[in-house]
Amino acid sequence: MQFNVECSVKSLEEKNVDLYQLFKTRSPIIGVVHLLPLPTSPRWGGNLKTVIDRAAQEATALASGGVDGIIVENFFDAPFTKNQVDPAVVSAMTVVVQRIQNLVTVPIGLNVLRNDGMSAMAIATIVKAQFIRVNVLTGVMATDQGLIEGEAHQLLKYRRELDSDVKIFADVLVKHARPLSSVNLSHAVQDTIERGLADAVILSGWATGVPPTLEDLELARAAANDTPVFIGSGANWENIATLMQVADGAIVSSSLKRHGHREQTIDPIRVSRFVEAARRSWNSKSEGKSVSVIKVHS
């Protein structure tokens, strides 16, 4: 009986993994590979090799430009299903991620849109990716796919069943969505971390390419305590220095595309310019700032 009690107490303890251990930097820049339409999506082109080749090209451009991590997402599958995607999408994303892993050495994450955290967790665990992004982990959001409910219980239970250490980066009041009622941002951040058990939180503007306000970032940073806060949209080389004075990292795509157009491919020159601007902002931070810690909940 004593052993069972000790195990129960131990299961509630947190294992701390710092951002440097995961990304080899205290302030990671994560680039995004937007996959061309996948099988069963409305705009599927019928050739998976084309999807794989472009994804490989973009991942290589991101890595050579100096990003610290990469997220792979089915961005061009819109209009999205709100939760579970077709098995063909899961299969295709698995193949693509494995191809990318053969080309780059930075940590890889997945985002299965619009909100299929279970499939993302399954793929990431099987291919040994490091993290996933979940758009709605807790609460209810009104979106163009309808009402999306958070499935934190199911996702965390699934991660435990898989015996996985994949980290969960969760959006708070995700872009292209609205809460059903007035929501306090600080409370939403706290709920996502304390009740949804997110390992990191993401704050975006109202849409793709729109940054969060500095005021909202400061509120989120204060509410998150030691949990990392990432910029989820709208970062560019002109605003990253300001935004990174508050945030712990950034997830970026649109501003890294050729001419800044999201339909275009990644431009390695724009990647390098962005990373250089971000690194200048890191150097201006206080030397005494402590390393951010991800809380991974057993």
Protein backbone atom coordinates (compact mmCIF):
# COMPACT_ATOMS: atom_id res chain seq x y z
CA MET A 1 0.00 0.00 0.00
CA GLN A 2 2.84 2.35 0.80
CA PHE A 3 4.30 1.75 -2.67
CA ASN A 4 0.98 2.62 -4.33
CA VAL A 5 0.69 5.84 -2.35
CA GLU A 6 4.24 6.84 -3.27
CA CYS A 7 3.57 6.15 -6.94
CA SER A 8 0.37 8.19 -6.83
CA VAL A 9 2.19 11.14 -5.33
CA LYS A 10 5.04 10.82 -7.82
CA SER A 11 2.58 10.89 -10.74
CA LEU A 12 1.56 14.41 -9.72
CA GLU A 13 5.12 15.72 -9.76
CA GLU A 14 6.35 17.78 -12.71
CA LYS A 15 9.43 17.06 -14.78
CA ASN A 16 11.05 20.31 -15.83
CA VAL A 17 12.60 20.56 -19.28
CA ASP A 18 14.02 23.93 -20.23
CA LEU A 19 13.78 25.50 -23.66
CA TYR A 20 17.52 25.24 -24.12
CA GLN A 21 17.38 21.48 -23.68
CA LEU A 22 14.64 21.18 -26.29
CA PHE A 23 15.76 23.78 -28.86
CA LYS A 24 19.38 24.53 -27.90
CA THR A 25 18.42 28.16 -27.32
CA ARG A 26 16.56 30.08 -24.64
CA SER A 27 14.42 31.95 -27.19
CA PRO A 28 13.49 29.59 -30.04
CA ILE A 29 12.29 30.66 -33.44
CA ILE A 30 10.05 27.98 -34.96
CA GLY A 31 9.39 28.09 -38.69
CA VAL A 32 6.30 26.54 -40.25
CA VAL A 33 6.08 24.28 -43.29
CA HIS A 34 2.65 24.76 -44.87
CA LEU A 35 1.88 21.52 -46.68
CA LEU A 36 0.20 21.59 -50.07
CA PRO A 37 -3.30 20.05 -50.07
CA LEU A 38 -3.26 16.45 -48.86
CA PRO A 39 -5.32 13.43 -49.97
CA THR A 40 -9.10 13.84 -49.37
CA SER A 41 -8.84 17.63 -48.99
CA PRO A 42 -10.89 19.70 -51.48
CA ARG A 43 -7.82 20.98 -53.37
CA TRP A 44 -5.78 17.75 -53.35
CA GLY A 45 -3.67 17.71 -56.52
CA GLY A 46 -3.30 13.95 -56.78
CA ASN A 47 0.50 13.72 -56.42
CA LEU A 48 2.00 13.14 -52.98
CA LYS A 49 5.54 13.43 -54.32
CA THR A 50 4.85 17.08 -55.18
CA VAL A 51 3.76 17.67 -51.57
CA ILE A 52 6.83 15.91 -50.17
CA ASP A 53 9.28 17.70 -52.47
CA ARG A 54 7.96 21.16 -51.62
CA ALA A 55 7.91 20.36 -47.90
CA ALA A 56 11.49 19.15 -48.08
CA GLN A 57 12.54 22.31 -49.91
CA GLU A 58 10.85 24.56 -47.34
CA ALA A 59 12.21 22.67 -44.34
CA THR A 60 15.73 22.89 -45.77
CA ALA A 61 15.30 26.63 -46.38
CA LEU A 62 14.11 27.16 -42.81
CA ALA A 63 16.94 25.14 -41.29
CA SER A 64 19.63 26.77 -43.44
CA GLY A 65 18.22 30.17 -42.47
CA GLY A 66 18.79 29.43 -38.81
CA VAL A 67 15.43 28.54 -37.25
CA ASP A 68 15.54 26.49 -34.05
CA GLY A 69 12.57 24.24 -34.79
CA ILE A 70 9.98 23.46 -37.47
CA ILE A 71 6.24 22.82 -37.32
CA VAL A 72 4.62 20.85 -40.14
CA GLU A 73 0.95 21.60 -40.70
CA ASN A 74 -1.76 20.83 -43.27
CA PHE A 75 -2.36 24.54 -43.88
CA PHE A 76 -3.68 24.25 -47.42
CA ASP A 77 -6.27 21.58 -46.58
CA ALA A 78 -8.86 24.33 -45.94
CA PRO A 79 -11.77 24.16 -45.53
CA PHE A 80 -10.85 22.07 -42.53
CA THR A 81 -12.73 19.44 -40.60
CA LYS A 82 -13.05 20.64 -37.03
CA ASN A 83 -11.64 17.60 -35.27
CA GLN A 84 -10.60 14.19 -36.62
CA VAL A 85 -8.97 14.24 -40.04
CA ASP A 86 -9.13 11.45 -42.60
CA PRO A 87 -6.63 8.57 -42.09
CA ALA A 88 -5.10 9.47 -45.45
CA VAL A 89 -4.08 12.86 -44.03
CA VAL A 90 -2.44 11.16 -41.06
CA SER A 91 -0.57 8.78 -43.36
CA ALA A 92 0.57 11.57 -45.68
CA MET A 93 1.77 13.79 -42.84
CA THR A 94 3.70 10.90 -41.32
CA VAL A 95 5.53 10.32 -44.60
CA VAL A 96 6.28 14.02 -45.01
CA VAL A 97 7.64 14.43 -41.48
CA GLN A 98 9.90 11.41 -41.87
CA ARG A 99 11.29 12.89 -45.07
CA ILE A 100 11.97 16.21 -43.34
CA GLN A 101 13.66 14.45 -40.42
CA ASN A 102 16.10 12.91 -42.88
CA LEU A 103 17.10 16.38 -44.09
CA VAL A 104 17.28 18.60 -40.99
CA THR A 105 18.41 18.20 -37.41
CA VAL A 106 16.23 20.80 -35.65
CA PRO A 107 13.30 19.64 -33.47
CA ILE A 108 10.10 18.92 -35.40
CA GLY A 109 6.51 19.56 -34.33
CA LEU A 110 3.09 18.96 -35.89
CA ASN A 111 -0.18 20.83 -36.13
CA VAL A 112 -3.06 18.80 -37.58
CA LEU A 113 -5.69 21.37 -38.49
CA ARG A 114 -8.15 22.33 -37.45
CA ASN A 115 -7.95 20.67 -34.06
CA ASP A 116 -6.90 17.03 -34.31
CA GLY A 117 -4.53 16.84 -31.38
CA MET A 118 -4.94 13.08 -31.13
CA SER A 119 -3.62 12.48 -34.65
CA ALA A 120 -0.82 14.99 -34.11
CA MET A 121 0.17 13.19 -30.89
CA ALA A 122 0.08 9.81 -32.62
CA ILE A 123 2.26 10.93 -35.53
CA ALA A 124 4.71 12.80 -33.30
CA THR A 125 5.10 9.86 -30.95
CA ILE A 126 5.64 7.31 -33.72
CA VAL A 127 8.19 9.36 -35.68
CA LYS A 128 9.80 10.73 -32.49
CA ALA A 129 8.97 14.37 -33.14
CA GLN A 130 9.30 16.67 -30.16
CA PHE A 131 6.08 18.71 -29.88
CA ILE A 132 2.62 19.42 -31.26
CA ARG A 133 0.49 22.53 -31.57
CA VAL A 134 -3.16 22.34 -30.53
CA ASN A 135 -5.47 25.21 -31.50
CA VAL A 136 -8.19 24.59 -28.89
CA LEU A 137 -7.01 22.60 -25.87
CA THR A 138 -9.54 23.97 -23.38
CA GLY A 139 -12.80 25.91 -23.60
CA VAL A 140 -15.11 26.37 -26.58
CA MET A 141 -14.40 28.53 -29.61
CA ALA A 142 -16.71 29.61 -32.44
CA THR A 143 -14.83 29.09 -35.72
CA ASP A 144 -15.52 28.83 -39.44
CA GLN A 145 -15.72 25.07 -38.83
CA GLY A 146 -18.43 25.54 -36.19
CA LEU A 147 -18.05 25.19 -32.44
CA ILE A 148 -14.79 23.53 -31.43
CA GLU A 149 -14.50 22.15 -27.91
CA GLY A 150 -11.22 21.55 -26.15
CA GLU A 151 -10.28 17.93 -25.60
CA ALA A 152 -7.54 18.26 -23.02
CA HIS A 153 -8.67 15.22 -21.03
CA GLN A 154 -8.66 12.90 -24.03
CA LEU A 155 -5.35 14.21 -25.36
CA LEU A 156 -3.47 14.03 -22.07
CA LYS A 157 -4.89 10.58 -21.39
CA TYR A 158 -3.78 9.46 -24.87
CA ARG A 159 -0.28 10.83 -24.32
CA ARG A 160 -0.07 8.84 -21.12
CA GLU A 161 -1.32 5.68 -22.83
CA LEU A 162 1.33 6.09 -25.54
CA ASP A 163 3.99 6.62 -22.87
CA SER A 164 4.97 9.69 -24.89
CA ASP A 165 7.03 12.72 -23.89
CA VAL A 166 5.81 14.87 -26.81
CA LYS A 167 5.20 18.42 -25.59
CA ILE A 168 1.86 20.17 -26.07
CA PHE A 169 1.99 23.80 -27.22
CA ALA A 170 -1.55 25.16 -26.92
CA ASP A 171 -3.11 28.28 -28.40
CA VAL A 172 -4.99 30.59 -26.05
CA LEU A 173 -8.00 32.24 -27.72
CA VAL A 174 -6.76 30.98 -31.08
CA LYS A 175 -6.81 33.07 -34.28
CA HIS A 176 -9.71 32.80 -36.75
CA ALA A 177 -12.02 32.12 -33.81
CA ARG A 178 -14.01 33.82 -31.09
CA PRO A 179 -14.97 32.69 -27.59
CA LEU A 180 -18.69 32.32 -26.95
CA SER A 181 -18.61 34.96 -24.24
CA SER A 182 -16.32 37.64 -22.90
CA VAL A 183 -13.14 35.93 -21.66
CA ASN A 184 -10.40 37.31 -19.46
CA LEU A 185 -7.08 36.61 -21.20
CA SER A 186 -5.18 36.05 -17.97
CA HIS A 187 -7.75 33.51 -16.80
CA ALA A 188 -7.71 31.77 -20.18
CA VAL A 189 -3.92 31.42 -20.01
CA GLN A 190 -4.08 30.07 -16.48
CA ASP A 191 -6.82 27.57 -17.37
CA THR A 192 -4.89 26.34 -20.40
CA ILE A 193 -1.84 25.69 -18.22
CA GLU A 194 -3.36 24.61 -14.91
CA ARG A 195 -6.46 22.77 -16.12
CA GLY A 196 -5.44 21.83 -19.66
CA LEU A 197 -1.85 21.00 -18.61
CA ALA A 198 -0.29 22.69 -21.64
CA ASP A 199 3.49 22.63 -21.70
CA ALA A 200 3.64 26.01 -23.47
CA VAL A 201 1.04 28.54 -24.58
CA ILE A 202 0.72 30.42 -27.86
CA LEU A 203 -0.73 33.88 -28.34
CA SER A 204 -1.77 35.13 -31.77
CA GLY A 205 -3.53 38.05 -33.38
CA TRP A 206 -7.06 37.67 -34.72
CA ALA A 207 -5.90 36.08 -38.01
CA THR A 208 -2.91 34.55 -39.81
CA GLY A 209 -0.24 37.22 -40.30
CA VAL A 210 -1.60 39.49 -37.55
CA PRO A 211 0.57 39.80 -34.41
CA PRO A 212 -0.74 39.85 -30.83
CA THR A 213 -0.63 43.19 -29.10
CA LEU A 214 2.24 43.88 -26.74
CA GLU A 215 -0.30 44.47 -23.97
CA ASP A 216 -1.82 41.00 -24.49
CA LEU A 217 1.62 39.42 -24.55
CA GLU A 218 2.47 41.09 -21.26
CA LEU A 219 -0.78 39.84 -19.70
CA ALA A 220 -0.13 36.32 -20.96
CA ARG A 221 3.49 36.38 -19.78
CA ALA A 222 2.42 37.45 -16.28
CA ALA A 223 -0.33 34.81 -16.09
CA ALA A 224 1.86 31.99 -17.41
CA ASN A 225 4.49 32.25 -14.66
CA ASP A 226 7.26 29.82 -15.67
CA THR A 227 5.40 28.31 -18.64
CA PRO A 228 6.79 29.55 -21.97
CA VAL A 229 4.73 31.97 -24.06
CA PHE A 230 5.12 31.88 -27.84
CA ILE A 231 4.07 34.43 -30.45
CA GLY A 232 1.78 32.49 -32.78
CA SER A 233 1.28 34.85 -35.72
CA GLY A 234 2.30 38.13 -37.29
CA ALA A 235 5.98 38.19 -36.33
CA ASN A 236 8.30 39.82 -38.86
CA TRP A 237 11.80 41.28 -38.81
CA GLU A 238 10.42 44.75 -38.05
CA ASN A 239 8.45 43.82 -34.91
CA ILE A 240 10.25 40.74 -33.59
CA ALA A 241 12.69 42.72 -31.44
CA THR A 242 9.82 44.38 -29.60
CA LEU A 243 7.69 41.24 -29.26
CA MET A 244 10.57 39.10 -28.02
CA GLN A 245 11.19 41.45 -25.13
CA VAL A 246 8.09 39.82 -23.61
CA ALA A 247 7.68 36.43 -25.31
CA ASP A 248 9.88 33.36 -24.91
CA GLY A 249 9.78 32.36 -28.57
CA ALA A 250 7.99 32.82 -31.88
CA ILE A 251 6.23 30.64 -34.45
CA VAL A 252 6.54 32.23 -37.87
CA SER A 253 5.68 31.51 -41.48
CA SER A 254 3.97 34.19 -43.58
CA SER A 255 6.74 36.78 -43.27
CA LEU A 256 9.31 34.17 -44.33
CA LYS A 257 7.57 33.45 -47.64
CA ARG A 258 8.69 35.01 -50.90
CA HIS A 259 7.34 38.57 -51.06
CA GLY A 260 5.62 37.85 -47.72
CA HIS A 261 2.77 36.01 -49.46
CA ARG A 262 1.58 32.88 -47.65
CA GLU A 263 0.90 31.00 -50.92
CA GLN A 264 4.58 31.29 -51.89
CA THR A 265 7.48 29.11 -50.79
CA ILE A 266 9.90 29.87 -47.97
CA ASP A 267 12.60 32.37 -48.90
CA PRO A 268 15.90 31.48 -47.14
CA ILE A 269 17.08 35.10 -47.36
CA ARG A 270 13.99 36.30 -45.51
CA VAL A 271 14.51 33.54 -42.95
CA SER A 272 18.08 34.66 -42.29
CA ARG A 273 17.02 38.29 -42.01
CA PHE A 274 14.30 37.39 -39.51
CA VAL A 275 16.59 35.20 -37.40
CA GLU A 276 19.26 37.92 -37.31
CA ALA A 277 16.68 40.47 -36.11
CA ALA A 278 15.47 38.04 -33.45
CA ARG A 279 18.97 37.35 -32.20
CA ARG A 280 19.67 41.05 -31.85
CA SER A 281 16.63 41.24 -29.60
CA TRP A 282 17.90 38.36 -27.46
CA ASN A 283 21.18 40.16 -26.90
CA SER A 284 19.34 43.19 -25.59
CA LYS A 285 17.53 41.22 -22.92
CA SER A 286 18.73 41.31 -19.36
CA GLU A 287 21.61 38.93 -18.71
CA GLY A 288 19.94 37.94 -15.51
CA LYS A 289 16.76 36.65 -17.10
CA SER A 290 16.19 33.08 -16.07
CA VAL A 291 15.80 30.27 -18.55
CA SER A 292 12.13 29.53 -19.29
CA VAL A 293 10.93 26.10 -18.27
CA ILE A 294 8.37 23.82 -19.87
CA LYS A 295 6.32 21.92 -17.34
CA VAL A 296 5.70 18.43 -18.67
CA HIS A 297 2.87 16.87 -16.73
CA SER A 298 3.07 13.14 -16.16
